[in-house]
Amino acid sequence: MATTLRRFQTRSLAPVQRVSSTVGALFVMVGFAGFIPGVTTGYGSLTWMGMDSQARLLGLFQVSILHNLVHIAFGVVGILLARRARTARLYLLVGGAIYLLLFLYGVLIDPLTDANFVPVNSADNWLHAVLGVAMVALGLMLPARLRERIGG
């Protein structure tokens, strides 16, 4: 029984690893969703990058091919870094900081200029702020280890 329990504990992921892999998987799904007509409105106007792309994920979030590929890559990184608790935490902290910077970028640029190459709109900006705060908070708060004893 003790050997089975020990084997289970070594195979289980720490909370920070589970969250990192889940966040990563969500980013991958969102990235692919940006390529699905219907889920992405204005799909015919999807461009490589820039404000000319009028495609909107769920009718709200302005996307481009580059934007979708970045989400997929960011998600894959989260899944890969979830293999270890230390790197899972790093993904959440650094990834959250990146999203907070992306929020500032979106707020500070003129969305009608070439500086909006990602592209972002106000819905994206607020989502980036929420994602950034949530990822940093999770990275700081989640335990990196499973409890030694189960049940207390």
C-alpha atoms as a PDB file:
ATOM      1  CA  MET A   1       0.000   0.000   0.000  1.00  0.00           C
ATOM      2  CA  ALA A   2       2.770   2.442   0.928  1.00  0.00           C
ATOM      3  CA  THR A   3       4.601   1.716  -2.336  1.00  0.00           C
ATOM      4  CA  THR A   4       1.437   2.345  -4.355  1.00  0.00           C
ATOM      5  CA  LEU A   5       0.819   5.604  -2.498  1.00  0.00           C
ATOM      6  CA  ARG A   6       4.428   6.708  -3.019  1.00  0.00           C
ATOM      7  CA  ARG A   7       4.204   5.897  -6.741  1.00  0.00           C
ATOM      8  CA  PHE A   8       0.964   7.909  -6.964  1.00  0.00           C
ATOM      9  CA  GLN A   9       2.547  10.869  -5.188  1.00  0.00           C
ATOM     10  CA  THR A  10       5.570  10.949  -7.490  1.00  0.00           C
ATOM     11  CA  ARG A  11       3.329  10.851 -10.561  1.00  0.00           C
ATOM     12  CA  SER A  12       1.031  13.600  -9.287  1.00  0.00           C
ATOM     13  CA  LEU A  13       1.664  17.155 -10.250  1.00  0.00           C
ATOM     14  CA  ALA A  14       2.060  19.975  -7.781  1.00  0.00           C
ATOM     15  CA  PRO A  15      -0.716  22.602  -7.926  1.00  0.00           C
ATOM     16  CA  VAL A  16       1.549  25.093  -9.682  1.00  0.00           C
ATOM     17  CA  GLN A  17       2.311  22.476 -12.359  1.00  0.00           C
ATOM     18  CA  ARG A  18      -1.360  21.655 -12.897  1.00  0.00           C
ATOM     19  CA  VAL A  19      -2.237  25.315 -13.264  1.00  0.00           C
ATOM     20  CA  SER A  20       0.674  26.002 -15.615  1.00  0.00           C
ATOM     21  CA  SER A  21      -0.281  23.101 -17.872  1.00  0.00           C
ATOM     22  CA  THR A  22      -3.953  24.132 -17.791  1.00  0.00           C
ATOM     23  CA  VAL A  23      -3.158  27.752 -18.632  1.00  0.00           C
ATOM     24  CA  GLY A  24      -0.886  26.540 -21.410  1.00  0.00           C
ATOM     25  CA  ALA A  25      -3.564  24.246 -22.816  1.00  0.00           C
ATOM     26  CA  LEU A  26      -6.093  27.094 -22.748  1.00  0.00           C
ATOM     27  CA  PHE A  27      -3.723  29.345 -24.688  1.00  0.00           C
ATOM     28  CA  VAL A  28      -3.210  26.617 -27.298  1.00  0.00           C
ATOM     29  CA  MET A  29      -6.976  26.188 -27.663  1.00  0.00           C
ATOM     30  CA  VAL A  30      -7.532  29.944 -27.945  1.00  0.00           C
ATOM     31  CA  GLY A  31      -4.800  30.162 -30.579  1.00  0.00           C
ATOM     32  CA  PHE A  32      -6.397  27.441 -32.687  1.00  0.00           C
ATOM     33  CA  ALA A  33      -9.877  28.899 -32.124  1.00  0.00           C
ATOM     34  CA  GLY A  34      -8.639  32.073 -33.820  1.00  0.00           C
ATOM     35  CA  PHE A  35      -8.348  30.048 -37.030  1.00  0.00           C
ATOM     36  CA  ILE A  36     -11.899  28.665 -36.932  1.00  0.00           C
ATOM     37  CA  PRO A  37     -14.533  30.522 -38.972  1.00  0.00           C
ATOM     38  CA  GLY A  38     -17.615  31.099 -36.854  1.00  0.00           C
ATOM     39  CA  VAL A  39     -15.678  31.124 -33.608  1.00  0.00           C
ATOM     40  CA  THR A  40     -13.763  33.983 -35.192  1.00  0.00           C
ATOM     41  CA  THR A  41     -16.049  36.545 -36.792  1.00  0.00           C
ATOM     42  CA  GLY A  42     -14.793  38.416 -39.838  1.00  0.00           C
ATOM     43  CA  TYR A  43     -12.581  35.425 -40.586  1.00  0.00           C
ATOM     44  CA  GLY A  44     -12.216  36.527 -44.214  1.00  0.00           C
ATOM     45  CA  SER A  45     -10.383  39.658 -43.062  1.00  0.00           C
ATOM     46  CA  LEU A  46      -7.813  37.701 -41.031  1.00  0.00           C
ATOM     47  CA  THR A  47      -4.383  39.061 -41.995  1.00  0.00           C
ATOM     48  CA  TRP A  48      -0.836  38.119 -41.053  1.00  0.00           C
ATOM     49  CA  MET A  49      -0.537  41.005 -38.572  1.00  0.00           C
ATOM     50  CA  GLY A  50      -1.560  44.569 -37.960  1.00  0.00           C
ATOM     51  CA  MET A  51      -4.651  46.612 -37.417  1.00  0.00           C
ATOM     52  CA  ASP A  52      -6.037  45.736 -40.852  1.00  0.00           C
ATOM     53  CA  SER A  53      -7.148  42.383 -39.514  1.00  0.00           C
ATOM     54  CA  GLN A  54     -10.794  42.790 -38.595  1.00  0.00           C
ATOM     55  CA  ALA A  55     -11.143  39.173 -37.476  1.00  0.00           C
ATOM     56  CA  ARG A  56     -12.421  38.904 -33.905  1.00  0.00           C
ATOM     57  CA  LEU A  57     -12.276  35.866 -31.699  1.00  0.00           C
ATOM     58  CA  LEU A  58     -15.772  35.359 -30.230  1.00  0.00           C
ATOM     59  CA  GLY A  59     -16.705  38.632 -31.927  1.00  0.00           C
ATOM     60  CA  LEU A  60     -14.694  40.606 -29.332  1.00  0.00           C
ATOM     61  CA  PHE A  61     -10.960  40.085 -29.392  1.00  0.00           C
ATOM     62  CA  GLN A  62      -9.106  41.337 -32.463  1.00  0.00           C
ATOM     63  CA  VAL A  63      -6.792  38.634 -33.815  1.00  0.00           C
ATOM     64  CA  SER A  64      -4.371  38.064 -36.648  1.00  0.00           C
ATOM     65  CA  ILE A  65      -2.427  35.046 -37.836  1.00  0.00           C
ATOM     66  CA  LEU A  66       0.578  36.242 -35.803  1.00  0.00           C
ATOM     67  CA  HIS A  67      -1.604  36.821 -32.736  1.00  0.00           C
ATOM     68  CA  ASN A  68      -3.011  33.275 -32.969  1.00  0.00           C
ATOM     69  CA  LEU A  69       0.429  31.730 -33.473  1.00  0.00           C
ATOM     70  CA  VAL A  70       1.790  33.616 -30.458  1.00  0.00           C
ATOM     71  CA  HIS A  71      -1.046  32.210 -28.323  1.00  0.00           C
ATOM     72  CA  ILE A  72      -0.255  28.694 -29.516  1.00  0.00           C
ATOM     73  CA  ALA A  73       3.485  29.101 -28.863  1.00  0.00           C
ATOM     74  CA  PHE A  74       2.865  30.688 -25.452  1.00  0.00           C
ATOM     75  CA  GLY A  75       0.613  27.777 -24.548  1.00  0.00           C
ATOM     76  CA  VAL A  76       3.097  25.139 -25.672  1.00  0.00           C
ATOM     77  CA  VAL A  77       5.758  26.810 -23.527  1.00  0.00           C
ATOM     78  CA  GLY A  78       3.422  26.651 -20.513  1.00  0.00           C
ATOM     79  CA  ILE A  79       2.765  22.955 -21.054  1.00  0.00           C
ATOM     80  CA  LEU A  80       6.472  22.190 -21.419  1.00  0.00           C
ATOM     81  CA  LEU A  81       7.474  24.252 -18.397  1.00  0.00           C
ATOM     82  CA  ALA A  82       4.821  22.510 -16.287  1.00  0.00           C
ATOM     83  CA  ARG A  83       7.098  19.467 -16.097  1.00  0.00           C
ATOM     84  CA  ARG A  84       8.828  20.944 -13.057  1.00  0.00           C
ATOM     85  CA  ALA A  85       7.341  23.051 -10.286  1.00  0.00           C
ATOM     86  CA  ARG A  86      10.093  25.675 -10.469  1.00  0.00           C
ATOM     87  CA  THR A  87       9.700  26.256 -14.194  1.00  0.00           C
ATOM     88  CA  ALA A  88       5.893  26.114 -13.942  1.00  0.00           C
ATOM     89  CA  ARG A  89       6.041  28.946 -11.410  1.00  0.00           C
ATOM     90  CA  LEU A  90       8.452  30.854 -13.650  1.00  0.00           C
ATOM     91  CA  TYR A  91       6.014  30.492 -16.573  1.00  0.00           C
ATOM     92  CA  LEU A  92       3.177  31.949 -14.532  1.00  0.00           C
ATOM     93  CA  LEU A  93       5.258  34.817 -13.142  1.00  0.00           C
ATOM     94  CA  VAL A  94       7.102  35.801 -16.319  1.00  0.00           C
ATOM     95  CA  GLY A  95       4.086  35.095 -18.525  1.00  0.00           C
ATOM     96  CA  GLY A  96       1.923  37.224 -16.264  1.00  0.00           C
ATOM     97  CA  ALA A  97       4.467  40.043 -16.389  1.00  0.00           C
ATOM     98  CA  ILE A  98       4.503  39.806 -20.194  1.00  0.00           C
ATOM     99  CA  TYR A  99       0.712  40.104 -20.269  1.00  0.00           C
ATOM    100  CA  LEU A 100       0.835  43.132 -17.974  1.00  0.00           C
ATOM    101  CA  LEU A 101       3.357  44.734 -20.332  1.00  0.00           C
ATOM    102  CA  LEU A 102       1.124  43.846 -23.272  1.00  0.00           C
ATOM    103  CA  PHE A 103      -1.749  45.556 -21.453  1.00  0.00           C
ATOM    104  CA  LEU A 104       0.361  48.717 -21.067  1.00  0.00           C
ATOM    105  CA  TYR A 105       1.414  48.490 -24.713  1.00  0.00           C
ATOM    106  CA  GLY A 106      -2.214  48.287 -25.809  1.00  0.00           C
ATOM    107  CA  VAL A 107      -3.232  51.219 -23.636  1.00  0.00           C
ATOM    108  CA  LEU A 108      -0.343  53.451 -24.702  1.00  0.00           C
ATOM    109  CA  ILE A 109      -0.325  52.944 -28.477  1.00  0.00           C
ATOM    110  CA  ASP A 110      -2.702  54.512 -30.952  1.00  0.00           C
ATOM    111  CA  PRO A 111      -4.708  51.502 -32.182  1.00  0.00           C
ATOM    112  CA  LEU A 112      -5.098  53.064 -35.619  1.00  0.00           C
ATOM    113  CA  THR A 113      -1.359  53.187 -36.357  1.00  0.00           C
ATOM    114  CA  ASP A 114       1.207  50.651 -37.490  1.00  0.00           C
ATOM    115  CA  ALA A 115       2.322  50.389 -33.851  1.00  0.00           C
ATOM    116  CA  ASN A 116      -0.717  48.142 -33.390  1.00  0.00           C
ATOM    117  CA  PHE A 117       0.974  45.267 -35.199  1.00  0.00           C
ATOM    118  CA  VAL A 118      -0.232  42.543 -32.784  1.00  0.00           C
ATOM    119  CA  PRO A 119      -3.255  43.733 -33.141  1.00  0.00           C
ATOM    120  CA  VAL A 120      -5.047  44.639 -29.913  1.00  0.00           C
ATOM    121  CA  ASN A 121      -8.289  46.410 -29.093  1.00  0.00           C
ATOM    122  CA  SER A 122      -9.818  47.510 -25.783  1.00  0.00           C
ATOM    123  CA  ALA A 123     -11.290  44.036 -25.119  1.00  0.00           C
ATOM    124  CA  ASP A 124      -7.815  42.545 -25.627  1.00  0.00           C
ATOM    125  CA  ASN A 125      -6.309  45.152 -23.320  1.00  0.00           C
ATOM    126  CA  TRP A 126      -8.622  44.331 -20.432  1.00  0.00           C
ATOM    127  CA  LEU A 127      -8.204  40.614 -20.978  1.00  0.00           C
ATOM    128  CA  HIS A 128      -4.411  41.058 -20.933  1.00  0.00           C
ATOM    129  CA  ALA A 129      -4.659  42.959 -17.638  1.00  0.00           C
ATOM    130  CA  VAL A 130      -6.798  40.245 -16.025  1.00  0.00           C
ATOM    131  CA  LEU A 131      -4.569  37.461 -17.373  1.00  0.00           C
ATOM    132  CA  GLY A 132      -1.428  39.220 -16.170  1.00  0.00           C
ATOM    133  CA  VAL A 133      -2.708  39.785 -12.653  1.00  0.00           C
ATOM    134  CA  ALA A 134      -4.163  36.271 -12.413  1.00  0.00           C
ATOM    135  CA  MET A 135      -1.012  34.548 -13.679  1.00  0.00           C
ATOM    136  CA  VAL A 136       1.285  36.499 -11.343  1.00  0.00           C
ATOM    137  CA  ALA A 137      -1.042  35.890  -8.386  1.00  0.00           C
ATOM    138  CA  LEU A 138      -1.235  32.164  -9.133  1.00  0.00           C
ATOM    139  CA  GLY A 139       2.529  31.968  -9.562  1.00  0.00           C
ATOM    140  CA  LEU A 140       3.025  33.584  -6.162  1.00  0.00           C
ATOM    141  CA  MET A 141       0.317  31.732  -4.242  1.00  0.00           C
ATOM    142  CA  LEU A 142       0.275  28.158  -5.513  1.00  0.00           C
ATOM    143  CA  PRO A 143       2.278  25.551  -3.621  1.00  0.00           C
ATOM    144  CA  ALA A 144       5.126  23.929  -5.509  1.00  0.00           C
ATOM    145  CA  ARG A 145       4.824  20.613  -3.673  1.00  0.00           C
ATOM    146  CA  LEU A 146       2.160  18.117  -2.858  1.00  0.00           C
ATOM    147  CA  ARG A 147       1.397  17.633   0.810  1.00  0.00           C
ATOM    148  CA  GLU A 148       3.589  14.999   2.400  1.00  0.00           C
ATOM    149  CA  ARG A 149       0.701  13.255   4.124  1.00  0.00           C
ATOM    150  CA  ILE A 150      -2.637  12.685   2.535  1.00  0.00           C
ATOM    151  CA  GLY A 151      -5.643  13.503   4.676  1.00  0.00           C
ATOM    152  CA  GLY A 152      -3.999  15.795   7.146  1.00  0.00           C
END
